[in-house]
Amino acid sequence: LVVPVCDGLPYYQAYIIVNNQTQFNSLIDLKGKKFAFTDHLSFSGKRYIVDRIMRSYNVFPEDFFSETIYTNAHDISIQMVSKNLVDGASVDGLIYKYFEKTAPHKIKNLRIIEKSGLYGIPPVVTAKNIDPRLKQELTEFFLHSDKEPQSRAILKKLMIDRFVAAGDTLYSSIGD
């Protein structure tokens, strides 16, 4: 239906994070270390780092890291790195920025060692067979939500500027 715009852009980044207490400064420093993925379907929490390792080192993650785990949430990956339960993680940059603004204590022990390129923020989606009138109503609601004071206040708390219509080209850099 629509795409969120955050910090003026409909894009976000994956961040590779480590604990401040470590000497890790780049992805290669994490070779042979314990790494947290968010979930199997997450672009920023898994696919980015898998593609990055395969492109840069021509190996699978299981041959690069000594161990990988799935946390099922970006905030849990952040906590695991902060508590030194894993050596690194790849997380959604929007969630990291949210913590920077709302709960800096959750990231005070962390350091970003790499940021991905820009990728389209995940869109608001519906089922393909949705009633066309309902689809139009939902689209209009989101596209005008930044104009109404109560909705604008909610968007501000979520760190969303507004929603925009966007085509599939916003996601062409992610691939299949």
N, C-alpha and C. Protein backbone atom coordinates (compact mmCIF):
# COMPACT_ATOMS: atom_id res chain seq x y z
N LEU A 1 0.82 -1.20 0.00
CA LEU A 1 0.00 0.00 0.00
C LEU A 1 0.85 1.26 0.00
N VAL A 2 1.66 1.39 1.04
CA VAL A 2 2.45 2.59 1.25
C VAL A 2 3.77 2.22 1.92
N VAL A 3 4.67 3.20 1.96
CA VAL A 3 5.98 3.01 2.57
C VAL A 3 6.22 4.11 3.58
N PRO A 4 6.72 3.78 4.76
CA PRO A 4 7.07 4.81 5.74
C PRO A 4 8.26 5.64 5.26
N VAL A 5 8.26 6.90 5.63
CA VAL A 5 9.39 7.78 5.39
C VAL A 5 9.95 8.14 6.76
N CYS A 6 11.22 7.86 6.97
CA CYS A 6 11.89 8.14 8.24
C CYS A 6 13.12 8.99 7.97
N ASP A 7 13.30 10.03 8.74
CA ASP A 7 14.41 10.96 8.51
C ASP A 7 14.42 11.46 7.06
N GLY A 8 13.23 11.66 6.51
CA GLY A 8 13.11 12.22 5.17
C GLY A 8 13.29 11.25 4.02
N LEU A 9 13.53 9.97 4.32
CA LEU A 9 13.78 8.99 3.25
C LEU A 9 12.98 7.71 3.44
N PRO A 10 12.59 7.05 2.34
CA PRO A 10 11.92 5.76 2.45
C PRO A 10 12.90 4.59 2.47
N TYR A 11 14.09 4.83 3.01
CA TYR A 11 15.16 3.84 3.04
C TYR A 11 15.65 3.60 4.46
N TYR A 12 16.27 2.44 4.64
CA TYR A 12 16.91 2.12 5.92
C TYR A 12 18.17 1.34 5.64
N GLN A 13 18.90 1.02 6.70
CA GLN A 13 20.15 0.28 6.56
C GLN A 13 20.21 -0.84 7.59
N ALA A 14 21.00 -1.85 7.26
CA ALA A 14 21.36 -2.87 8.24
C ALA A 14 22.63 -2.37 8.92
N TYR A 15 22.71 -2.59 10.23
CA TYR A 15 23.90 -2.23 11.00
C TYR A 15 24.52 -3.50 11.54
N ILE A 16 25.82 -3.66 11.38
CA ILE A 16 26.54 -4.74 12.05
C ILE A 16 27.09 -4.13 13.33
N ILE A 17 26.70 -4.73 14.45
CA ILE A 17 27.05 -4.16 15.75
C ILE A 17 27.92 -5.14 16.56
N VAL A 18 28.73 -4.56 17.42
CA VAL A 18 29.57 -5.32 18.35
C VAL A 18 29.55 -4.60 19.70
N ASN A 19 30.05 -5.27 20.70
CA ASN A 19 30.16 -4.67 22.02
C ASN A 19 31.38 -3.74 22.07
N ASN A 20 31.24 -2.62 22.76
CA ASN A 20 32.35 -1.65 22.91
C ASN A 20 33.59 -2.26 23.55
N GLN A 21 33.42 -3.29 24.36
CA GLN A 21 34.54 -3.88 25.07
C GLN A 21 35.43 -4.74 24.18
N THR A 22 34.99 -4.99 22.96
CA THR A 22 35.76 -5.85 22.05
C THR A 22 36.68 -5.01 21.18
N GLN A 23 37.58 -5.69 20.51
CA GLN A 23 38.49 -5.05 19.57
C GLN A 23 38.03 -5.23 18.12
N PHE A 24 36.78 -5.69 17.93
CA PHE A 24 36.27 -5.92 16.58
C PHE A 24 36.01 -4.58 15.89
N ASN A 25 36.57 -4.42 14.68
CA ASN A 25 36.41 -3.17 13.95
C ASN A 25 35.85 -3.36 12.54
N SER A 26 35.79 -4.60 12.09
CA SER A 26 35.26 -4.86 10.75
C SER A 26 34.67 -6.27 10.73
N LEU A 27 33.98 -6.56 9.67
CA LEU A 27 33.34 -7.87 9.55
C LEU A 27 34.35 -9.01 9.66
N ILE A 28 35.50 -8.88 9.06
CA ILE A 28 36.49 -9.96 9.09
C ILE A 28 36.93 -10.27 10.52
N ASP A 29 36.85 -9.29 11.41
CA ASP A 29 37.20 -9.53 12.81
C ASP A 29 36.21 -10.49 13.49
N LEU A 30 35.04 -10.65 12.90
CA LEU A 30 34.03 -11.55 13.47
C LEU A 30 34.15 -12.99 12.96
N LYS A 31 35.12 -13.23 12.07
CA LYS A 31 35.34 -14.59 11.56
C LYS A 31 35.70 -15.50 12.75
N GLY A 32 35.00 -16.63 12.82
CA GLY A 32 35.24 -17.57 13.91
C GLY A 32 34.58 -17.19 15.22
N LYS A 33 33.70 -16.20 15.19
CA LYS A 33 33.03 -15.73 16.40
C LYS A 33 31.55 -16.13 16.38
N LYS A 34 30.88 -15.88 17.50
CA LYS A 34 29.45 -16.19 17.66
C LYS A 34 28.63 -14.99 17.18
N PHE A 35 27.65 -15.25 16.31
CA PHE A 35 26.89 -14.18 15.67
C PHE A 35 25.39 -14.43 15.80
N ALA A 36 24.64 -13.34 15.98
CA ALA A 36 23.18 -13.44 16.11
C ALA A 36 22.49 -12.95 14.84
N PHE A 37 21.64 -13.81 14.30
CA PHE A 37 20.71 -13.41 13.24
C PHE A 37 19.38 -13.11 13.92
N THR A 38 18.61 -12.25 13.30
CA THR A 38 17.29 -11.96 13.86
C THR A 38 16.32 -13.09 13.55
N ASP A 39 16.04 -13.30 12.27
CA ASP A 39 15.20 -14.43 11.87
C ASP A 39 15.49 -14.77 10.42
N HIS A 40 14.99 -15.90 9.98
CA HIS A 40 15.28 -16.41 8.64
C HIS A 40 14.80 -15.49 7.53
N LEU A 41 13.75 -14.70 7.78
CA LEU A 41 13.16 -13.87 6.74
C LEU A 41 13.59 -12.41 6.78
N SER A 42 14.35 -12.02 7.76
CA SER A 42 14.73 -10.62 7.92
C SER A 42 15.84 -10.24 6.94
N PHE A 43 15.62 -9.15 6.19
CA PHE A 43 16.68 -8.68 5.31
C PHE A 43 17.84 -8.11 6.13
N SER A 44 17.54 -7.16 7.01
CA SER A 44 18.60 -6.51 7.78
C SER A 44 19.16 -7.43 8.86
N GLY A 45 18.36 -8.37 9.34
CA GLY A 45 18.79 -9.25 10.41
C GLY A 45 19.36 -10.58 9.98
N LYS A 46 19.35 -10.85 8.65
CA LYS A 46 20.00 -12.08 8.17
C LYS A 46 20.51 -11.95 6.74
N ARG A 47 19.62 -11.65 5.83
CA ARG A 47 20.00 -11.73 4.41
C ARG A 47 21.16 -10.80 4.06
N TYR A 48 21.16 -9.60 4.61
CA TYR A 48 22.24 -8.67 4.29
C TYR A 48 23.59 -9.29 4.65
N ILE A 49 23.71 -9.81 5.86
CA ILE A 49 25.00 -10.33 6.32
C ILE A 49 25.39 -11.60 5.56
N VAL A 50 24.41 -12.44 5.23
CA VAL A 50 24.69 -13.65 4.45
C VAL A 50 25.23 -13.26 3.08
N ASP A 51 24.54 -12.33 2.41
CA ASP A 51 24.99 -11.87 1.09
C ASP A 51 26.37 -11.22 1.18
N ARG A 52 26.58 -10.46 2.23
CA ARG A 52 27.86 -9.74 2.41
C ARG A 52 29.01 -10.73 2.58
N ILE A 53 28.81 -11.76 3.38
CA ILE A 53 29.86 -12.77 3.61
C ILE A 53 30.14 -13.56 2.33
N MET A 54 29.08 -13.95 1.66
CA MET A 54 29.27 -14.74 0.44
C MET A 54 29.95 -13.91 -0.65
N ARG A 55 29.58 -12.65 -0.76
CA ARG A 55 30.17 -11.76 -1.78
C ARG A 55 31.63 -11.44 -1.45
N SER A 56 31.91 -11.17 -0.20
CA SER A 56 33.26 -10.73 0.19
C SER A 56 34.24 -11.87 0.42
N TYR A 57 33.75 -12.99 0.98
CA TYR A 57 34.66 -14.05 1.39
C TYR A 57 34.37 -15.39 0.72
N ASN A 58 33.32 -15.44 -0.08
CA ASN A 58 32.95 -16.63 -0.83
C ASN A 58 32.78 -17.86 0.05
N VAL A 59 32.19 -17.65 1.22
CA VAL A 59 31.89 -18.75 2.13
C VAL A 59 30.47 -18.57 2.69
N PHE A 60 29.91 -19.64 3.18
CA PHE A 60 28.62 -19.59 3.84
C PHE A 60 28.81 -19.12 5.28
N PRO A 61 27.80 -18.51 5.87
CA PRO A 61 27.93 -18.04 7.26
C PRO A 61 28.36 -19.14 8.23
N GLU A 62 27.87 -20.36 8.03
CA GLU A 62 28.24 -21.44 8.95
C GLU A 62 29.73 -21.79 8.86
N ASP A 63 30.37 -21.41 7.75
CA ASP A 63 31.81 -21.60 7.61
C ASP A 63 32.61 -20.36 8.03
N PHE A 64 31.92 -19.25 8.20
CA PHE A 64 32.56 -17.99 8.59
C PHE A 64 32.50 -17.81 10.11
N PHE A 65 31.32 -17.98 10.68
CA PHE A 65 31.15 -17.84 12.13
C PHE A 65 31.33 -19.18 12.82
N SER A 66 31.76 -19.15 14.08
CA SER A 66 31.88 -20.40 14.82
C SER A 66 30.51 -20.92 15.22
N GLU A 67 29.58 -20.00 15.44
CA GLU A 67 28.23 -20.37 15.85
C GLU A 67 27.28 -19.23 15.47
N THR A 68 26.08 -19.59 15.07
CA THR A 68 25.04 -18.58 14.82
C THR A 68 23.79 -18.97 15.60
N ILE A 69 23.08 -17.97 16.05
CA ILE A 69 21.81 -18.20 16.73
C ILE A 69 20.77 -17.28 16.12
N TYR A 70 19.51 -17.59 16.35
CA TYR A 70 18.39 -16.74 15.92
C TYR A 70 17.71 -16.19 17.15
N THR A 71 17.57 -14.88 17.21
CA THR A 71 16.96 -14.24 18.37
C THR A 71 15.48 -13.96 18.18
N ASN A 72 15.02 -13.90 16.94
CA ASN A 72 13.63 -13.63 16.59
C ASN A 72 13.19 -12.19 16.81
N ALA A 73 14.11 -11.30 17.14
CA ALA A 73 13.77 -9.88 17.29
C ALA A 73 15.05 -9.05 17.29
N HIS A 74 15.00 -7.91 16.61
CA HIS A 74 16.17 -7.03 16.53
C HIS A 74 16.57 -6.53 17.92
N ASP A 75 15.59 -6.21 18.74
CA ASP A 75 15.94 -5.71 20.08
C ASP A 75 16.62 -6.79 20.92
N ILE A 76 16.25 -8.03 20.71
CA ILE A 76 16.91 -9.11 21.45
C ILE A 76 18.34 -9.29 20.93
N SER A 77 18.55 -9.18 19.62
CA SER A 77 19.91 -9.23 19.08
C SER A 77 20.76 -8.13 19.69
N ILE A 78 20.20 -6.93 19.79
CA ILE A 78 20.90 -5.80 20.39
C ILE A 78 21.27 -6.11 21.84
N GLN A 79 20.33 -6.66 22.60
CA GLN A 79 20.60 -7.02 24.00
C GLN A 79 21.68 -8.09 24.11
N MET A 80 21.64 -9.07 23.23
CA MET A 80 22.62 -10.17 23.28
C MET A 80 24.04 -9.65 23.05
N VAL A 81 24.20 -8.72 22.11
CA VAL A 81 25.52 -8.14 21.87
C VAL A 81 25.92 -7.26 23.04
N SER A 82 24.98 -6.47 23.56
CA SER A 82 25.26 -5.58 24.68
C SER A 82 25.73 -6.36 25.91
N LYS A 83 25.18 -7.54 26.11
CA LYS A 83 25.53 -8.36 27.27
C LYS A 83 26.67 -9.34 26.99
N ASN A 84 27.29 -9.21 25.82
CA ASN A 84 28.40 -10.09 25.42
C ASN A 84 28.00 -11.56 25.34
N LEU A 85 26.74 -11.84 25.05
CA LEU A 85 26.30 -13.22 24.88
C LEU A 85 26.60 -13.73 23.47
N VAL A 86 26.76 -12.78 22.54
CA VAL A 86 27.23 -13.06 21.19
C VAL A 86 28.24 -11.97 20.85
N ASP A 87 29.06 -12.24 19.85
CA ASP A 87 30.10 -11.28 19.49
C ASP A 87 29.61 -10.18 18.55
N GLY A 88 28.58 -10.49 17.77
CA GLY A 88 28.07 -9.50 16.84
C GLY A 88 26.68 -9.86 16.37
N ALA A 89 26.06 -8.90 15.69
CA ALA A 89 24.73 -9.12 15.12
C ALA A 89 24.52 -8.11 14.00
N SER A 90 23.62 -8.45 13.11
CA SER A 90 23.17 -7.52 12.08
C SER A 90 21.73 -7.16 12.42
N VAL A 91 21.48 -5.84 12.58
CA VAL A 91 20.17 -5.40 13.03
C VAL A 91 19.63 -4.28 12.14
N ASP A 92 18.35 -4.06 12.25
CA ASP A 92 17.66 -2.99 11.54
C ASP A 92 18.12 -1.64 12.09
N GLY A 93 18.67 -0.81 11.21
CA GLY A 93 19.15 0.50 11.62
C GLY A 93 18.07 1.40 12.19
N LEU A 94 16.82 1.22 11.76
CA LEU A 94 15.72 2.04 12.29
C LEU A 94 15.47 1.71 13.76
N ILE A 95 15.59 0.45 14.11
CA ILE A 95 15.39 0.06 15.51
C ILE A 95 16.55 0.57 16.36
N TYR A 96 17.75 0.49 15.83
CA TYR A 96 18.91 1.01 16.54
C TYR A 96 18.74 2.52 16.77
N LYS A 97 18.32 3.24 15.74
CA LYS A 97 18.09 4.70 15.87
C LYS A 97 16.97 4.99 16.87
N TYR A 98 15.96 4.15 16.90
CA TYR A 98 14.86 4.32 17.85
C TYR A 98 15.40 4.25 19.28
N PHE A 99 16.28 3.26 19.53
CA PHE A 99 16.89 3.16 20.85
C PHE A 99 17.80 4.35 21.14
N GLU A 100 18.51 4.84 20.15
CA GLU A 100 19.35 6.02 20.35
C GLU A 100 18.52 7.18 20.91
N LYS A 101 17.30 7.31 20.38
CA LYS A 101 16.45 8.43 20.77
C LYS A 101 15.65 8.15 22.05
N THR A 102 15.13 6.95 22.20
CA THR A 102 14.19 6.67 23.28
C THR A 102 14.77 5.90 24.47
N ALA A 103 15.82 5.13 24.24
CA ALA A 103 16.39 4.29 25.31
C ALA A 103 17.89 4.12 25.09
N PRO A 104 18.66 5.21 25.14
CA PRO A 104 20.09 5.12 24.85
C PRO A 104 20.85 4.16 25.75
N HIS A 105 20.33 3.88 26.93
CA HIS A 105 20.99 2.92 27.81
C HIS A 105 21.06 1.52 27.20
N LYS A 106 20.13 1.21 26.28
CA LYS A 106 20.12 -0.12 25.67
C LYS A 106 21.23 -0.31 24.64
N ILE A 107 21.80 0.79 24.16
CA ILE A 107 22.86 0.68 23.15
C ILE A 107 24.18 1.30 23.60
N LYS A 108 24.25 1.72 24.85
CA LYS A 108 25.45 2.42 25.33
C LYS A 108 26.70 1.54 25.26
N ASN A 109 26.55 0.22 25.31
CA ASN A 109 27.69 -0.70 25.26
C ASN A 109 28.03 -1.13 23.84
N LEU A 110 27.37 -0.53 22.84
CA LEU A 110 27.50 -1.02 21.47
C LEU A 110 28.25 -0.06 20.56
N ARG A 111 28.75 -0.65 19.49
CA ARG A 111 29.43 0.13 18.46
C ARG A 111 29.01 -0.45 17.11
N ILE A 112 28.73 0.42 16.16
CA ILE A 112 28.39 0.01 14.80
C ILE A 112 29.72 -0.11 14.04
N ILE A 113 29.98 -1.28 13.47
CA ILE A 113 31.22 -1.44 12.71
C ILE A 113 30.97 -1.39 11.21
N GLU A 114 29.71 -1.49 10.80
CA GLU A 114 29.41 -1.40 9.37
C GLU A 114 27.95 -1.05 9.20
N LYS A 115 27.68 -0.21 8.20
CA LYS A 115 26.31 0.10 7.78
C LYS A 115 26.18 -0.33 6.33
N SER A 116 25.06 -0.94 6.02
CA SER A 116 24.81 -1.36 4.64
C SER A 116 24.50 -0.13 3.79
N GLY A 117 24.32 -0.37 2.51
CA GLY A 117 23.78 0.65 1.64
C GLY A 117 22.33 0.91 2.01
N LEU A 118 21.68 1.76 1.26
CA LEU A 118 20.28 2.09 1.52
C LEU A 118 19.36 1.10 0.82
N TYR A 119 18.35 0.63 1.56
CA TYR A 119 17.35 -0.30 1.03
C TYR A 119 15.97 0.23 1.39
N GLY A 120 14.99 -0.08 0.55
CA GLY A 120 13.63 0.38 0.81
C GLY A 120 13.11 -0.13 2.15
N ILE A 121 12.53 0.78 2.94
CA ILE A 121 11.91 0.39 4.21
C ILE A 121 10.76 -0.58 3.90
N PRO A 122 10.61 -1.63 4.68
CA PRO A 122 9.49 -2.55 4.44
C PRO A 122 8.16 -1.80 4.38
N PRO A 123 7.36 -2.12 3.37
CA PRO A 123 6.09 -1.42 3.17
C PRO A 123 4.96 -1.95 4.04
N VAL A 124 3.90 -1.17 4.10
CA VAL A 124 2.64 -1.64 4.65
C VAL A 124 1.99 -2.43 3.52
N VAL A 125 1.61 -3.67 3.78
CA VAL A 125 1.07 -4.53 2.73
C VAL A 125 -0.31 -5.06 3.11
N THR A 126 -1.03 -5.53 2.10
CA THR A 126 -2.31 -6.19 2.31
C THR A 126 -2.34 -7.46 1.47
N ALA A 127 -3.36 -8.23 1.67
CA ALA A 127 -3.55 -9.42 0.83
C ALA A 127 -3.85 -8.97 -0.59
N LYS A 128 -3.43 -9.76 -1.56
CA LYS A 128 -3.66 -9.41 -2.97
C LYS A 128 -5.15 -9.33 -3.29
N ASN A 129 -5.95 -10.12 -2.62
CA ASN A 129 -7.38 -10.17 -2.95
C ASN A 129 -8.22 -9.23 -2.09
N ILE A 130 -7.64 -8.20 -1.52
CA ILE A 130 -8.38 -7.25 -0.70
C ILE A 130 -9.41 -6.50 -1.56
N ASP A 131 -10.52 -6.19 -0.97
CA ASP A 131 -11.55 -5.41 -1.66
C ASP A 131 -10.93 -4.08 -2.12
N PRO A 132 -11.07 -3.73 -3.40
CA PRO A 132 -10.44 -2.52 -3.92
C PRO A 132 -10.83 -1.23 -3.17
N ARG A 133 -12.08 -1.16 -2.72
CA ARG A 133 -12.50 0.04 -1.97
C ARG A 133 -11.79 0.12 -0.63
N LEU A 134 -11.67 -1.00 0.07
CA LEU A 134 -10.97 -1.02 1.34
C LEU A 134 -9.49 -0.68 1.13
N LYS A 135 -8.92 -1.22 0.07
CA LYS A 135 -7.52 -0.92 -0.23
C LYS A 135 -7.34 0.59 -0.44
N GLN A 136 -8.24 1.21 -1.16
CA GLN A 136 -8.15 2.65 -1.41
C GLN A 136 -8.33 3.44 -0.10
N GLU A 137 -9.27 3.02 0.73
CA GLU A 137 -9.49 3.70 2.01
C GLU A 137 -8.25 3.61 2.91
N LEU A 138 -7.66 2.43 2.97
CA LEU A 138 -6.45 2.25 3.78
C LEU A 138 -5.30 3.10 3.24
N THR A 139 -5.15 3.09 1.93
CA THR A 139 -4.09 3.89 1.31
C THR A 139 -4.27 5.36 1.65
N GLU A 140 -5.48 5.88 1.50
CA GLU A 140 -5.76 7.29 1.80
C GLU A 140 -5.51 7.59 3.28
N PHE A 141 -5.91 6.66 4.14
CA PHE A 141 -5.69 6.86 5.58
C PHE A 141 -4.21 7.06 5.86
N PHE A 142 -3.38 6.15 5.35
CA PHE A 142 -1.94 6.25 5.61
C PHE A 142 -1.33 7.49 4.96
N LEU A 143 -1.72 7.78 3.73
CA LEU A 143 -1.13 8.91 3.02
C LEU A 143 -1.46 10.25 3.68
N HIS A 144 -2.57 10.30 4.41
CA HIS A 144 -2.97 11.56 5.05
C HIS A 144 -2.78 11.55 6.57
N SER A 145 -2.22 10.49 7.11
CA SER A 145 -2.08 10.37 8.56
C SER A 145 -1.20 11.46 9.17
N ASP A 146 -0.27 11.99 8.42
CA ASP A 146 0.60 13.04 8.97
C ASP A 146 -0.07 14.40 9.01
N LYS A 147 -1.26 14.50 8.46
CA LYS A 147 -1.99 15.78 8.43
C LYS A 147 -2.90 15.95 9.65
N GLU A 148 -3.23 14.87 10.32
CA GLU A 148 -4.16 14.90 11.44
C GLU A 148 -3.35 14.90 12.74
N PRO A 149 -3.65 15.81 13.68
CA PRO A 149 -2.82 15.97 14.89
C PRO A 149 -2.61 14.69 15.70
N GLN A 150 -3.66 13.91 15.96
CA GLN A 150 -3.48 12.70 16.77
C GLN A 150 -2.60 11.67 16.05
N SER A 151 -2.86 11.48 14.78
CA SER A 151 -2.04 10.54 14.00
C SER A 151 -0.61 11.03 13.91
N ARG A 152 -0.41 12.32 13.71
CA ARG A 152 0.93 12.89 13.61
C ARG A 152 1.71 12.64 14.91
N ALA A 153 1.02 12.76 16.05
CA ALA A 153 1.67 12.51 17.34
C ALA A 153 2.13 11.05 17.46
N ILE A 154 1.31 10.14 16.99
CA ILE A 154 1.67 8.72 17.01
C ILE A 154 2.85 8.47 16.08
N LEU A 155 2.79 9.04 14.88
CA LEU A 155 3.89 8.87 13.93
C LEU A 155 5.20 9.41 14.50
N LYS A 156 5.11 10.54 15.19
CA LYS A 156 6.32 11.13 15.78
C LYS A 156 6.95 10.18 16.80
N LYS A 157 6.12 9.55 17.63
CA LYS A 157 6.63 8.59 18.61
C LYS A 157 7.29 7.39 17.93
N LEU A 158 6.78 7.03 16.77
CA LEU A 158 7.32 5.90 16.01
C LEU A 158 8.49 6.32 15.12
N MET A 159 8.80 7.61 15.12
CA MET A 159 9.87 8.18 14.29
C MET A 159 9.60 7.99 12.80
N ILE A 160 8.32 8.12 12.43
CA ILE A 160 7.90 8.07 11.03
C ILE A 160 7.45 9.47 10.66
N ASP A 161 8.01 10.01 9.57
CA ASP A 161 7.62 11.34 9.11
C ASP A 161 6.23 11.31 8.49
N ARG A 162 6.05 10.36 7.60
CA ARG A 162 4.79 10.23 6.86
C ARG A 162 4.85 8.93 6.06
N PHE A 163 3.81 8.65 5.31
CA PHE A 163 3.79 7.50 4.40
C PHE A 163 3.67 8.02 2.97
N VAL A 164 4.27 7.31 2.04
CA VAL A 164 4.20 7.67 0.63
C VAL A 164 3.85 6.43 -0.19
N ALA A 165 3.28 6.66 -1.35
CA ALA A 165 3.05 5.57 -2.29
C ALA A 165 4.39 5.26 -2.95
N ALA A 166 4.67 4.00 -3.14
CA ALA A 166 5.94 3.62 -3.77
C ALA A 166 5.74 2.32 -4.54
N GLY A 167 6.43 2.22 -5.64
CA GLY A 167 6.36 1.00 -6.44
C GLY A 167 7.43 0.01 -6.03
N ASP A 168 7.45 -1.09 -6.74
CA ASP A 168 8.40 -2.16 -6.46
C ASP A 168 9.85 -1.75 -6.71
N THR A 169 10.07 -0.69 -7.49
CA THR A 169 11.45 -0.29 -7.81
C THR A 169 12.22 0.11 -6.55
N LEU A 170 11.52 0.51 -5.52
CA LEU A 170 12.18 0.87 -4.26
C LEU A 170 12.92 -0.34 -3.68
N TYR A 171 12.51 -1.54 -4.08
CA TYR A 171 13.06 -2.77 -3.53
C TYR A 171 13.93 -3.55 -4.50
N SER A 172 14.22 -2.97 -5.64
CA SER A 172 15.00 -3.68 -6.66
C SER A 172 16.42 -4.01 -6.19
N SER A 173 16.98 -3.21 -5.30
CA SER A 173 18.34 -3.47 -4.82
C SER A 173 18.42 -4.69 -3.91
N ILE A 174 17.29 -5.11 -3.34
CA ILE A 174 17.27 -6.27 -2.46
C ILE A 174 17.31 -7.56 -3.27
N GLY A 175 16.71 -7.56 -4.43
CA GLY A 175 16.73 -8.74 -5.28
C GLY A 175 15.68 -9.73 -4.85
N ASP A 176 15.83 -10.98 -5.36
CA ASP A 176 14.83 -12.02 -5.09
C ASP A 176 14.99 -12.63 -3.72
